[in-house]
Amino acid sequence: MPGKTITDHQVHKYKQHRNKLTQVAAAAKAGISERSARRIEGAPSLPSQRPTRDWRTRQDPLQAVWDSEVVPLLQADARLSGVTLLEELQRRYPGQWATGVLRTLQRRVRQWRAQFGAEREVYFAQEHPPGRQGLSDFTVADGLNVEIEGCAFPHRLYQFALAYSGWRHATVIDSGESFMALSTGLQAALWALGGVPEEHRTDSLSAAFNNLAEQESLTGRYDELCRHYGLRATRCNPGQSNENGSIESRHDSLKTALDQALRLRGSRSFDNRSDYEAFVATIVQRLNTRSAKLLAIERPMLRALPVRRTAEFEELPARVSKYAIFSVKGAQYSAPSQLIGHRLTVRQYAQHIECWLGGQCVLSRPRATPQEGQRHGRSIDYRHLVGALKRKPGAFARWVLRDAAFPRAVYRQTWERLAAHRPEREACKTMVGLLVLAADGHEAQLAQELEQLIELDQLPDLNALTALLAPPRSAVPDVVVTLPTLASYDELLEVSV
């Protein structure tokens, strides 16, 4: 092939085939041209025995400008590309430099950098003794296109892995990278593993570290978490993801395995979050079978777990406003109207919150997650407010939290159609009546009926839907019970005697 040096092996191979084949066939067998075959037959020595050529076979196209023009530019900035240098030469000398010289220029630039360029970064392979290091990180999993109850489920995966054996554990996170997500995922991984490594390594997680310009210190809560488990907390340098490569590479393999499993499943939709979490756990368990032998070596090297887990929640105060709403770190939650004016102690977990009053848990809600275009999330349970709306249905039309209160997308679509085709007062009464019907335990059935009405391009009839889903109970007939007299019992005794 042009540009390729013929080796001694090719020469020997050509001569072996030449004893039985024609020159053309033997050259093809040896992977050389017919012209090279003719030169081999006339050459007295092997290619390796010939003197090295130190002269040019053609004129250097860059001879006039290399030392005077190109080298000074490279010395000023060695990262200039060959394309940029050629464009600069074409600008300085119009019409003298064709694009065909680009490959030659790139080759010369590469050779110059190898001899005179700046020092390049060197990576040092590290050994990972068993039981020494565990790594964790978050990765965005929106690309899996998972749906929960028919709606897109944007989320992250928190993954913990052992550097030696490669054993891993993954937790589904939909509340962003927070300390609570880190704490929940790390503790779940350690208790599933049954032991604690010596070191826990992360990247520059804002949840765990204070990323200050001149100070890098562990946050108090993360320090307490690591101290509780006897972990030594370390981190990689900012912007150096290769230092956390043992976990970064596993992000790709995990998401690839999940994507392939979803393809085999034939659907990316799940009925609820628990089903999806079980699916992820199953795939992770399959991946861990590959590291079973190494894990058996590493597990005896792990430290023992503490007696109990540390707290996986953060306590925050919140007061329920007159709107039956309270806020936790900007996120809004609804509450039963009976709690208006009360000051609650909110325990914020990674996936849910608990509201405590007087030592009792009075409310539990999933954590609110921001939707697209929102800065803070909203978790509004229409069942908390439907009683008040029933008394004030006209407030529904311009209620600022109206869109967040719909239990399903079909209810929002129904409201949009009612608002577009009926007077505001009538639309509000109908929609509030539908929510009351849904709150009475008919949410799923009513949603199916509303979907059918939308397909038929019909508006809902509240009375008809109420009669269908919650028909009135029939009146119980009055039954008159007459107590027998004592004399009748005497008559029975006389007859029996």
Protein backbone atom coordinates (compact mmCIF):
# COMPACT_ATOMS: atom_id res chain seq x y z
CA MET A 1 0.00 0.00 0.00
CA PRO A 2 1.24 3.53 -0.70
CA GLY A 3 3.08 5.01 2.26
CA LYS A 4 3.60 1.64 3.94
CA THR A 5 7.06 0.14 4.39
CA ILE A 6 7.51 -3.39 3.08
CA THR A 7 8.63 -5.70 5.88
CA ASP A 8 10.97 -8.68 5.86
CA HIS A 9 8.00 -10.95 6.55
CA GLN A 10 6.25 -9.76 3.39
CA VAL A 11 9.39 -10.41 1.36
CA HIS A 12 9.69 -13.98 2.71
CA LYS A 13 6.01 -14.56 2.11
CA TYR A 14 6.27 -13.27 -1.47
CA LYS A 15 9.22 -15.54 -2.26
CA GLN A 16 7.40 -18.58 -0.85
CA HIS A 17 4.36 -17.97 -3.05
CA ARG A 18 6.53 -17.02 -6.05
CA ASN A 19 7.81 -20.59 -6.31
CA LYS A 20 4.31 -21.79 -7.23
CA LEU A 21 2.44 -18.72 -8.44
CA THR A 22 2.87 -15.96 -10.95
CA GLN A 23 4.40 -12.66 -9.91
CA VAL A 24 1.02 -10.93 -9.83
CA ALA A 25 -0.62 -13.65 -7.69
CA ALA A 26 2.35 -13.92 -5.30
CA ALA A 27 2.39 -10.14 -4.82
CA ALA A 28 -1.33 -10.17 -4.01
CA LYS A 29 -0.80 -12.97 -1.48
CA ALA A 30 1.98 -10.97 0.21
CA GLY A 31 -0.03 -7.76 0.25
CA ILE A 32 2.31 -5.77 -2.01
CA SER A 33 2.05 -4.26 -5.47
CA GLU A 34 3.37 -5.85 -8.65
CA ARG A 35 5.93 -3.06 -9.00
CA SER A 36 7.27 -3.75 -5.49
CA ALA A 37 7.47 -7.43 -6.39
CA ARG A 38 9.73 -6.62 -9.35
CA ARG A 39 12.01 -4.56 -7.09
CA ILE A 40 12.18 -7.40 -4.54
CA GLU A 41 13.30 -9.87 -7.19
CA GLY A 42 16.09 -7.54 -8.19
CA ALA A 43 17.15 -6.53 -4.67
CA PRO A 44 20.11 -8.39 -3.13
CA SER A 45 19.05 -7.83 0.53
CA LEU A 46 16.07 -7.65 2.85
CA PRO A 47 14.40 -4.29 3.63
CA SER A 48 15.82 -4.29 7.18
CA GLN A 49 19.37 -4.70 5.86
CA ARG A 50 19.27 -1.67 3.60
CA PRO A 51 20.66 1.68 4.78
CA THR A 52 18.16 4.20 6.11
CA ARG A 53 17.27 6.89 3.60
CA ASP A 54 18.11 10.38 4.91
CA TRP A 55 17.29 12.41 1.83
CA ARG A 56 14.05 13.71 0.43
CA THR A 57 12.54 12.19 -2.67
CA ARG A 58 10.62 15.37 -3.50
CA GLN A 59 10.85 19.05 -2.66
CA ASP A 60 9.51 20.17 0.74
CA PRO A 61 6.37 22.28 0.00
CA LEU A 62 6.74 24.11 3.34
CA GLN A 63 10.44 24.89 3.08
CA ALA A 64 9.91 28.59 2.32
CA VAL A 65 7.65 29.31 5.30
CA TRP A 66 8.19 26.63 7.93
CA ASP A 67 11.01 28.22 9.94
CA SER A 68 10.09 31.83 9.23
CA GLU A 69 6.29 31.73 9.45
CA VAL A 70 4.89 28.52 10.95
CA VAL A 71 7.34 27.80 13.79
CA PRO A 72 7.02 31.31 15.34
CA LEU A 73 3.24 30.89 15.36
CA LEU A 74 3.53 27.50 17.08
CA GLN A 75 6.00 28.89 19.59
CA ALA A 76 3.49 31.60 20.47
CA ASP A 77 0.66 29.07 20.89
CA ALA A 78 1.35 25.38 20.39
CA ARG A 79 -2.37 24.58 20.30
CA LEU A 80 -2.87 26.17 16.87
CA SER A 81 -4.28 23.57 14.50
CA GLY A 82 -3.04 22.77 11.02
CA VAL A 83 -6.25 24.14 9.50
CA THR A 84 -5.76 27.49 11.25
CA LEU A 85 -2.13 27.70 10.18
CA LEU A 86 -2.99 26.93 6.55
CA GLU A 87 -5.74 29.56 6.53
CA GLU A 88 -3.27 32.08 7.93
CA LEU A 89 -0.74 31.24 5.19
CA GLN A 90 -3.45 31.59 2.55
CA ARG A 91 -4.37 34.98 3.99
CA ARG A 92 -0.76 36.19 4.00
CA TYR A 93 0.08 34.77 0.57
CA PRO A 94 -3.07 34.74 -1.56
CA GLY A 95 -3.10 32.14 -4.32
CA GLN A 96 0.16 30.43 -3.27
CA TRP A 97 -1.10 27.72 -0.92
CA ALA A 98 -3.53 25.05 -2.07
CA THR A 99 -5.66 23.04 0.31
CA GLY A 100 -3.82 19.87 -0.75
CA VAL A 101 -0.86 20.79 1.47
CA LEU A 102 -2.99 20.50 4.63
CA ARG A 103 -2.06 16.88 5.43
CA THR A 104 1.63 17.64 5.07
CA LEU A 105 1.27 20.66 7.34
CA GLN A 106 -0.65 18.68 9.97
CA ARG A 107 1.99 15.95 9.93
CA ARG A 108 4.80 18.48 10.38
CA VAL A 109 2.93 20.25 13.20
CA ARG A 110 2.39 16.94 15.01
CA GLN A 111 6.09 16.11 14.68
CA TRP A 112 7.08 19.59 15.94
CA ARG A 113 4.85 19.22 19.00
CA ALA A 114 6.39 15.84 19.79
CA GLN A 115 9.86 17.44 19.83
CA PHE A 116 9.33 20.99 21.07
CA GLY A 117 5.77 21.14 22.41
CA ALA A 118 4.72 21.72 26.00
CA GLU A 119 4.67 18.90 28.50
CA ARG A 120 1.45 16.92 28.45
CA GLU A 121 -0.52 15.62 31.40
CA VAL A 122 0.55 12.22 32.69
CA TYR A 123 -1.91 9.83 34.28
CA PHE A 124 -0.82 7.42 37.00
CA ALA A 125 -2.63 4.11 37.25
CA GLN A 126 -3.71 3.39 40.81
CA GLU A 127 -4.04 0.10 42.63
CA HIS A 128 -7.18 -0.53 44.67
CA PRO A 129 -6.68 -2.91 47.60
CA PRO A 130 -9.81 -4.78 48.69
CA GLY A 131 -11.91 -2.97 51.26
CA ARG A 132 -10.15 0.35 50.87
CA GLN A 133 -12.27 2.58 48.65
CA GLY A 134 -15.90 3.13 47.79
CA LEU A 135 -17.00 5.77 45.29
CA SER A 136 -20.32 7.46 44.68
CA ASP A 137 -21.77 9.97 42.25
CA PHE A 138 -25.01 11.16 40.66
CA THR A 139 -25.83 10.74 36.99
CA VAL A 140 -28.75 12.17 35.00
CA ALA A 141 -30.99 9.39 33.66
CA ASP A 142 -33.48 11.47 31.66
CA GLY A 143 -32.19 9.84 28.48
CA LEU A 144 -33.87 6.57 29.48
CA ASN A 145 -37.24 8.26 28.76
CA VAL A 146 -38.96 6.47 31.65
CA GLU A 147 -42.63 7.25 32.29
CA ILE A 148 -44.56 6.88 35.55
CA GLU A 149 -48.35 6.68 35.20
CA GLY A 150 -48.03 7.91 31.62
CA CYS A 151 -46.02 11.02 32.51
CA ALA A 152 -42.33 11.66 31.87
CA PHE A 153 -40.18 10.90 34.90
CA PRO A 154 -37.06 13.10 34.93
CA HIS A 155 -34.68 11.69 37.53
CA ARG A 156 -31.14 10.93 38.53
CA LEU A 157 -29.44 7.76 39.69
CA TYR A 158 -27.18 7.81 42.73
CA GLN A 159 -24.64 5.04 42.34
CA PHE A 160 -22.19 3.65 44.89
CA ALA A 161 -19.47 1.22 43.84
CA LEU A 162 -16.47 -0.54 45.37
CA ALA A 163 -13.24 0.21 43.52
CA TYR A 164 -11.75 -3.28 43.94
CA SER A 165 -14.61 -5.67 43.23
CA GLY A 166 -16.89 -3.37 41.24
CA TRP A 167 -19.95 -4.20 43.37
CA ARG A 168 -22.53 -1.46 42.95
CA HIS A 169 -25.81 -0.13 44.32
CA ALA A 170 -28.15 2.38 42.66
CA THR A 171 -30.88 4.59 44.10
CA VAL A 172 -33.52 6.45 42.07
CA ILE A 173 -33.46 10.17 42.91
CA ASP A 174 -35.97 12.71 41.60
CA SER A 175 -35.18 15.59 43.98
CA GLY A 176 -31.82 16.67 42.55
CA GLU A 177 -28.36 16.38 44.06
CA SER A 178 -28.91 17.11 47.74
CA PHE A 179 -27.37 16.01 50.98
CA MET A 180 -30.47 13.98 51.82
CA ALA A 181 -30.24 12.14 48.50
CA LEU A 182 -26.55 11.46 49.14
CA SER A 183 -27.21 10.30 52.71
CA THR A 184 -30.12 8.05 51.72
CA GLY A 185 -28.29 6.49 48.79
CA LEU A 186 -25.02 5.97 50.67
CA GLN A 187 -26.66 4.40 53.71
CA ALA A 188 -28.85 2.14 51.56
CA ALA A 189 -25.74 0.96 49.70
CA LEU A 190 -23.71 0.29 52.85
CA TRP A 191 -26.48 -1.69 54.52
CA ALA A 192 -27.12 -3.67 51.33
CA LEU A 193 -23.39 -4.39 51.16
CA GLY A 194 -23.20 -5.40 54.81
CA GLY A 195 -19.97 -3.55 55.53
CA VAL A 196 -18.09 -0.26 55.31
CA PRO A 197 -14.96 0.48 53.23
CA GLU A 198 -12.14 2.58 54.60
CA GLU A 199 -12.64 5.57 52.28
CA HIS A 200 -15.58 7.25 50.56
CA ARG A 201 -14.63 9.23 47.45
CA THR A 202 -16.81 11.70 45.59
CA ASP A 203 -16.36 14.46 43.07
CA SER A 204 -17.12 18.10 43.92
CA LEU A 205 -20.64 17.37 45.12
CA SER A 206 -22.29 20.57 46.23
CA ALA A 207 -24.40 18.46 48.57
CA ALA A 208 -21.36 17.25 50.48
CA PHE A 209 -18.75 19.96 50.14
CA ASN A 210 -18.47 23.72 50.46
CA ASN A 211 -16.99 24.75 47.11
CA LEU A 212 -15.32 27.99 48.24
CA ALA A 213 -12.53 29.74 46.36
CA GLU A 214 -9.92 29.44 49.11
CA GLN A 215 -11.40 26.85 51.44
CA GLU A 216 -12.50 23.30 50.85
CA SER A 217 -14.03 21.79 53.95
CA LEU A 218 -16.59 19.13 54.56
CA THR A 219 -20.02 20.35 55.48
CA GLY A 220 -21.06 19.60 59.03
CA ARG A 221 -23.78 17.11 58.13
CA TYR A 222 -21.58 15.18 55.71
CA ASP A 223 -18.79 15.10 58.28
CA GLU A 224 -21.18 13.64 60.85
CA LEU A 225 -22.42 11.04 58.35
CA CYS A 226 -18.90 9.86 57.54
CA ARG A 227 -17.91 9.86 61.20
CA HIS A 228 -20.96 7.74 62.08
CA TYR A 229 -19.82 5.03 59.65
CA GLY A 230 -16.09 5.47 60.22
CA LEU A 231 -15.49 6.60 56.63
CA ARG A 232 -12.60 8.80 55.56
CA ALA A 233 -14.04 11.33 53.13
CA THR A 234 -11.95 12.23 50.08
CA ARG A 235 -12.70 14.01 46.84
CA CYS A 236 -11.16 14.36 43.42
CA ASN A 237 -9.81 17.67 42.19
CA PRO A 238 -12.36 19.97 40.51
CA GLY A 239 -12.64 19.30 36.80
CA GLN A 240 -10.65 16.05 36.99
CA SER A 241 -13.30 13.42 36.36
CA ASN A 242 -10.60 10.86 35.59
CA GLU A 243 -9.76 10.80 39.30
CA ASN A 244 -13.26 9.46 39.87
CA GLY A 245 -13.14 7.21 36.83
CA SER A 246 -14.08 4.03 38.68
CA ILE A 247 -17.60 5.38 39.17
CA GLU A 248 -17.86 7.48 35.98
CA SER A 249 -17.34 4.42 33.79
CA ARG A 250 -19.96 2.51 35.74
CA HIS A 251 -22.53 5.22 35.04
CA ASP A 252 -22.29 4.41 31.34
CA SER A 253 -22.51 0.65 31.87
CA LEU A 254 -25.49 1.01 34.23
CA LYS A 255 -27.48 3.27 31.91
CA THR A 256 -26.64 1.05 28.94
CA ALA A 257 -27.85 -2.03 30.83
CA LEU A 258 -31.05 -0.24 31.86
CA ASP A 259 -31.69 0.96 28.31
CA GLN A 260 -31.22 -2.54 26.88
CA ALA A 261 -33.47 -4.06 29.55
CA LEU A 262 -36.16 -1.48 28.78
CA ARG A 263 -35.93 -2.39 25.10
CA LEU A 264 -36.38 -6.08 25.93
CA ARG A 265 -39.29 -5.16 28.20
CA GLY A 266 -40.97 -3.46 25.26
CA SER A 267 -42.18 -0.49 27.29
CA ARG A 268 -40.64 2.35 29.26
CA SER A 269 -43.82 3.08 31.21
CA PHE A 270 -44.37 1.92 34.80
CA ASP A 271 -47.52 1.98 36.90
CA ASN A 272 -45.75 3.57 39.87
CA ARG A 273 -42.37 4.57 41.17
CA SER A 274 -41.98 1.40 43.26
CA ASP A 275 -42.20 -0.77 40.13
CA TYR A 276 -39.45 1.25 38.46
CA GLU A 277 -37.23 1.10 41.56
CA ALA A 278 -37.68 -2.68 41.66
CA PHE A 279 -36.75 -2.83 37.96
CA VAL A 280 -33.54 -0.85 38.58
CA ALA A 281 -32.67 -3.06 41.56
CA THR A 282 -33.08 -6.18 39.42
CA ILE A 283 -30.74 -4.88 36.71
CA VAL A 284 -28.13 -3.83 39.29
CA GLN A 285 -28.33 -7.28 40.87
CA ARG A 286 -27.63 -8.86 37.48
CA LEU A 287 -24.60 -6.63 36.99
CA ASN A 288 -23.31 -7.57 40.45
CA THR A 289 -23.20 -11.25 39.52
CA ARG A 290 -20.13 -10.43 37.42
CA SER A 291 -18.24 -9.25 40.51
CA ALA A 292 -19.32 -12.05 42.87
CA LYS A 293 -15.87 -13.67 43.06
CA LEU A 294 -14.03 -10.42 43.74
CA LEU A 295 -16.69 -9.39 46.25
CA ALA A 296 -16.11 -12.62 48.16
CA ILE A 297 -12.47 -11.56 48.50
CA GLU A 298 -13.28 -7.98 49.45
CA ARG A 299 -16.16 -8.52 51.88
CA PRO A 300 -13.99 -9.87 54.76
CA MET A 301 -11.86 -6.70 54.46
CA LEU A 302 -14.82 -4.38 55.09
CA ARG A 303 -15.46 -2.83 58.46
CA ALA A 304 -18.54 -3.64 60.50
CA LEU A 305 -21.66 -1.51 60.20
CA PRO A 306 -22.73 0.67 63.14
CA VAL A 307 -25.58 -0.45 65.38
CA ARG A 308 -28.11 1.74 63.57
CA ARG A 309 -28.46 4.13 60.68
CA THR A 310 -28.05 7.82 61.22
CA ALA A 311 -30.98 10.16 60.62
CA GLU A 312 -31.95 10.31 56.97
CA PHE A 313 -33.99 13.47 57.30
CA GLU A 314 -33.61 17.16 57.93
CA GLU A 315 -35.92 18.89 60.39
CA LEU A 316 -37.37 22.23 59.32
CA PRO A 317 -40.12 24.43 60.82
CA ALA A 318 -43.16 25.38 58.73
CA ARG A 319 -46.41 27.21 59.48
CA VAL A 320 -49.61 26.39 57.62
CA SER A 321 -51.00 29.59 56.11
CA LYS A 322 -54.62 30.63 55.74
CA TYR A 323 -54.45 29.19 52.22
CA ALA A 324 -53.86 25.70 53.71
CA ILE A 325 -50.37 25.85 52.22
CA PHE A 326 -46.93 25.62 53.83
CA SER A 327 -43.47 25.99 52.30
CA VAL A 328 -40.33 23.91 52.81
CA LYS A 329 -37.21 25.37 51.20
CA GLY A 330 -39.34 27.13 48.60
CA ALA A 331 -41.44 24.08 47.70
CA GLN A 332 -45.17 24.40 48.39
CA TYR A 333 -47.32 21.70 49.99
CA SER A 334 -51.01 21.55 50.79
CA ALA A 335 -52.39 20.56 54.19
CA PRO A 336 -55.82 19.79 55.63
CA SER A 337 -57.63 22.96 56.66
CA GLN A 338 -57.63 21.81 60.30
CA LEU A 339 -53.87 22.52 60.40
CA ILE A 340 -54.21 26.19 59.37
CA GLY A 341 -52.27 28.36 61.80
CA HIS A 342 -50.33 25.48 63.34
CA ARG A 343 -46.54 25.37 63.35
CA LEU A 344 -45.32 22.00 62.08
CA THR A 345 -41.99 20.26 62.38
CA VAL A 346 -41.24 18.97 58.91
CA ARG A 347 -38.89 16.03 58.45
CA GLN A 348 -37.59 16.22 54.89
CA TYR A 349 -36.38 12.90 53.52
CA ALA A 350 -34.90 12.27 50.10
CA GLN A 351 -38.21 11.20 48.57
CA HIS A 352 -40.92 12.42 50.97
CA ILE A 353 -41.70 14.71 53.88
CA GLU A 354 -43.38 14.05 57.21
CA CYS A 355 -45.18 16.74 59.21
CA TRP A 356 -45.18 16.34 62.98
CA LEU A 357 -47.37 18.15 65.48
CA GLY A 358 -47.21 17.48 69.20
CA GLY A 359 -45.14 14.34 68.74
CA GLN A 360 -47.51 12.83 66.16
CA CYS A 361 -47.14 12.54 62.39
CA VAL A 362 -50.16 14.36 60.99
CA LEU A 363 -49.22 14.44 57.30
CA SER A 364 -46.93 12.65 54.86
CA ARG A 365 -46.39 13.79 51.27
CA PRO A 366 -44.01 12.96 48.40
CA ARG A 367 -41.33 15.60 47.98
CA ALA A 368 -42.28 18.31 45.52
CA THR A 369 -40.12 18.40 42.40
CA PRO A 370 -39.96 21.42 40.08
CA GLN A 371 -41.62 20.98 36.71
CA GLU A 372 -40.25 22.47 33.50
CA GLY A 373 -40.07 26.24 33.85
CA GLN A 374 -40.52 26.18 37.63
CA ARG A 375 -37.89 27.14 40.18
CA HIS A 376 -39.58 25.35 43.09
CA GLY A 377 -41.85 22.34 43.14
CA ARG A 378 -45.48 22.08 44.24
CA SER A 379 -47.22 19.13 45.86
CA ILE A 380 -50.92 19.99 46.12
CA ASP A 381 -53.39 17.30 47.17
CA TYR A 382 -56.83 18.31 45.91
CA ARG A 383 -58.46 16.19 48.63
CA HIS A 384 -57.16 18.65 51.25
CA LEU A 385 -58.98 21.55 49.59
CA VAL A 386 -61.97 20.07 47.80
CA GLY A 387 -64.24 20.67 50.81
CA ALA A 388 -63.45 24.39 50.80
CA LEU A 389 -63.81 24.54 47.01
CA LYS A 390 -67.23 22.93 47.28
CA ARG A 391 -68.33 25.87 49.41
CA LYS A 392 -66.56 28.42 47.16
CA PRO A 393 -66.57 26.94 43.63
CA GLY A 394 -66.17 30.34 41.97
CA ALA A 395 -62.65 30.64 43.39
CA PHE A 396 -61.46 27.74 41.24
CA ALA A 397 -61.14 29.67 37.96
CA ARG A 398 -58.38 32.01 39.13
CA TRP A 399 -56.86 29.92 41.90
CA VAL A 400 -53.09 30.32 41.60
CA LEU A 401 -52.47 26.65 42.50
CA ARG A 402 -55.24 25.32 40.27
CA ASP A 403 -53.03 23.55 37.73
CA ALA A 404 -50.99 21.86 40.47
CA ALA A 405 -54.14 20.48 42.12
CA PHE A 406 -55.34 18.31 39.24
CA PRO A 407 -54.74 14.65 40.17
CA ARG A 408 -54.21 13.56 36.55
CA ALA A 409 -53.64 15.16 33.18
CA VAL A 410 -57.12 14.22 31.96
CA TYR A 411 -58.67 16.39 34.68
CA ARG A 412 -56.68 19.38 33.45
CA GLN A 413 -57.80 18.71 29.88
CA THR A 414 -61.40 18.49 31.05
CA TRP A 415 -61.12 21.86 32.79
CA GLU A 416 -59.66 23.48 29.69
CA ARG A 417 -62.58 22.21 27.61
CA LEU A 418 -65.13 23.32 30.21
CA ALA A 419 -63.58 26.78 30.47
CA ALA A 420 -63.62 27.14 26.69
CA HIS A 421 -67.24 26.05 26.08
CA ARG A 422 -69.22 26.95 29.19
CA PRO A 423 -69.71 30.08 31.30
CA GLU A 424 -67.12 30.50 34.01
CA ARG A 425 -69.51 29.97 36.92
CA GLU A 426 -70.98 26.80 35.41
CA ALA A 427 -67.53 25.48 34.45
CA CYS A 428 -66.25 26.00 38.00
CA LYS A 429 -69.22 24.23 39.57
CA THR A 430 -68.89 21.28 37.21
CA MET A 431 -65.14 20.95 37.71
CA VAL A 432 -65.34 21.21 41.49
CA GLY A 433 -68.14 18.63 41.45
CA LEU A 434 -65.91 16.29 39.46
CA LEU A 435 -63.10 16.74 41.98
CA VAL A 436 -65.52 16.02 44.83
CA LEU A 437 -66.58 12.84 43.02
CA ALA A 438 -62.93 11.87 42.53
CA ALA A 439 -62.15 12.51 46.21
CA ASP A 440 -64.94 10.12 47.21
CA GLY A 441 -62.85 7.22 45.87
CA HIS A 442 -63.71 7.35 42.17
CA GLU A 443 -60.59 9.10 40.82
CA ALA A 444 -59.42 6.30 38.50
CA GLN A 445 -62.90 5.37 37.23
CA LEU A 446 -63.79 9.00 36.65
CA ALA A 447 -60.54 9.54 34.75
CA GLN A 448 -61.49 6.72 32.36
CA GLU A 449 -64.93 8.22 31.79
CA LEU A 450 -63.44 11.66 31.13
CA GLU A 451 -60.98 10.19 28.61
CA GLN A 452 -63.85 8.61 26.70
CA LEU A 453 -65.75 11.91 26.68
CA ILE A 454 -62.71 13.72 25.30
CA GLU A 455 -62.38 11.12 22.54
CA LEU A 456 -66.06 11.63 21.70
CA ASP A 457 -65.62 15.42 21.88
CA GLN A 458 -68.32 15.72 24.53
CA LEU A 459 -68.45 17.76 27.73
CA PRO A 460 -69.00 15.96 31.04
CA ASP A 461 -72.45 15.84 32.63
CA LEU A 462 -71.90 15.95 36.39
CA ASN A 463 -75.29 14.47 37.26
CA ALA A 464 -74.89 11.58 34.82
CA LEU A 465 -71.38 10.78 36.04
CA THR A 466 -72.51 10.94 39.67
CA ALA A 467 -75.39 8.57 38.95
CA LEU A 468 -73.00 6.21 37.17
CA LEU A 469 -70.18 6.15 39.70
CA ALA A 470 -71.92 7.02 42.98
CA PRO A 471 -75.63 6.24 42.66
CA PRO A 472 -77.77 7.26 45.65
CA ARG A 473 -78.46 4.52 48.11
CA SER A 474 -82.01 3.17 48.07
CA ALA A 475 -84.17 4.02 51.08
CA VAL A 476 -84.35 1.29 53.70
CA PRO A 477 -88.01 0.21 54.24
CA ASP A 478 -89.51 0.58 57.69
CA VAL A 479 -89.86 -2.78 59.37
CA VAL A 480 -92.31 -3.06 62.27
CA VAL A 481 -91.21 -5.66 64.80
CA THR A 482 -93.90 -6.85 67.22
CA LEU A 483 -92.67 -8.44 70.40
CA PRO A 484 -94.63 -11.55 71.48
CA THR A 485 -96.43 -11.55 74.83
CA LEU A 486 -95.34 -13.78 77.69
CA ALA A 487 -98.66 -15.62 77.54
CA SER A 488 -97.82 -16.94 74.11
CA TYR A 489 -94.80 -18.72 75.55
CA ASP A 490 -97.07 -20.40 78.14
CA GLU A 491 -99.30 -21.66 75.36
CA LEU A 492 -96.29 -23.20 73.62
CA LEU A 493 -95.33 -25.00 76.79
CA GLU A 494 -98.85 -26.40 77.23
CA VAL A 495 -98.90 -27.71 73.68
CA SER A 496 -95.53 -29.40 74.10
CA VAL A 497 -96.72 -31.14 77.29
